[in-house]
């Protein structure tokens, strides 16, 4: 693992210190890693959504389609 030094204004440092203290992070590094992971997830989700939006339609999103999605979600929660 490599080290990275980041310069931040005092207000941002105070904010990060507060987040570490109040949200149960053990260190500033842990908090920043969490933020980066969330941003990576957000960007991946955005790419998937754009890919889906740019893909041709494959069928009608009718009541039966959503019933199937609900059933799939129910089964995945019990597994």
Protein backbone atom coordinates (compact mmCIF):
# COMPACT_ATOMS: atom_id res chain seq x y z
CA UNK A 1 0.00 0.00 0.00
CA UNK A 2 1.31 3.42 -0.87
CA UNK A 3 1.01 6.64 1.09
CA UNK A 4 -0.71 9.75 -0.21
CA UNK A 5 -0.47 13.21 1.32
CA UNK A 6 -3.44 15.51 0.77
CA UNK A 7 -3.62 19.19 1.69
CA UNK A 8 -7.03 20.33 2.89
CA UNK A 9 -8.37 23.57 4.25
CA UNK A 10 -9.05 23.56 7.99
CA UNK A 11 -12.83 23.45 7.48
CA UNK A 12 -12.55 20.22 5.49
CA UNK A 13 -10.17 18.67 8.01
CA UNK A 14 -12.61 19.55 10.79
CA UNK A 15 -15.46 18.00 8.82
CA UNK A 16 -13.52 14.78 8.24
CA UNK A 17 -12.46 14.59 11.88
CA UNK A 18 -16.10 15.00 12.89
CA UNK A 19 -17.20 12.25 10.49
CA UNK A 20 -14.56 9.88 11.85
CA UNK A 21 -15.61 10.59 15.42
CA UNK A 22 -19.38 10.43 14.94
CA UNK A 23 -19.76 7.71 12.32
CA UNK A 24 -17.59 5.04 13.91
CA UNK A 25 -14.56 5.11 11.64
CA UNK A 26 -11.32 4.12 13.27
CA UNK A 27 -9.22 6.58 11.26
CA UNK A 28 -9.26 9.28 8.63
CA UNK A 29 -7.87 6.77 6.15
CA UNK A 30 -10.76 4.38 6.78
CA UNK A 31 -13.26 7.19 6.22
CA UNK A 32 -11.58 8.29 2.98
CA UNK A 33 -11.39 4.68 1.70
CA UNK A 34 -15.14 4.36 2.39
CA UNK A 35 -15.84 7.56 0.42
CA UNK A 36 -13.73 6.34 -2.50
CA UNK A 37 -15.47 2.93 -2.54
CA UNK A 38 -18.86 4.65 -2.57
CA UNK A 39 -17.79 6.89 -5.45
CA UNK A 40 -16.54 3.85 -7.38
CA UNK A 41 -19.89 2.13 -6.79
CA UNK A 42 -21.74 5.27 -7.91
CA UNK A 43 -19.72 5.50 -11.11
CA UNK A 44 -20.21 1.80 -11.84
CA UNK A 45 -23.96 2.12 -11.31
CA UNK A 46 -24.06 5.20 -13.55
CA UNK A 47 -22.22 3.32 -16.30
CA UNK A 48 -24.66 0.40 -16.02
CA UNK A 49 -27.65 2.75 -16.13
CA UNK A 50 -26.28 4.52 -19.20
CA UNK A 51 -25.56 1.18 -20.85
CA UNK A 52 -29.14 0.10 -20.17
CA UNK A 53 -30.56 3.40 -21.40
CA UNK A 54 -28.60 3.09 -24.63
CA UNK A 55 -29.55 -0.54 -25.27
CA UNK A 56 -32.48 -1.49 -27.47
CA UNK A 57 -35.75 -2.43 -25.75
CA UNK A 58 -36.10 -6.16 -25.14
CA UNK A 59 -39.71 -6.29 -24.08
CA UNK A 60 -42.56 -4.51 -22.43
CA UNK A 61 -42.26 -3.45 -18.79
CA UNK A 62 -45.79 -4.43 -17.88
CA UNK A 63 -47.33 -5.73 -14.65
CA UNK A 64 -46.03 -9.27 -15.27
CA UNK A 65 -42.49 -7.95 -15.70
CA UNK A 66 -42.60 -6.13 -12.36
CA UNK A 67 -44.23 -9.11 -10.65
CA UNK A 68 -41.25 -11.17 -11.81
CA UNK A 69 -38.82 -8.59 -10.42
CA UNK A 70 -40.61 -8.60 -7.07
CA UNK A 71 -40.44 -12.39 -6.93
CA UNK A 72 -36.73 -12.35 -7.79
CA UNK A 73 -36.11 -9.79 -5.01
CA UNK A 74 -38.08 -11.88 -2.49
CA UNK A 75 -36.10 -15.01 -3.36
CA UNK A 76 -32.74 -13.23 -3.13
CA UNK A 77 -33.59 -11.97 0.40
CA UNK A 78 -34.31 -15.48 1.66
CA UNK A 79 -31.19 -17.08 0.19
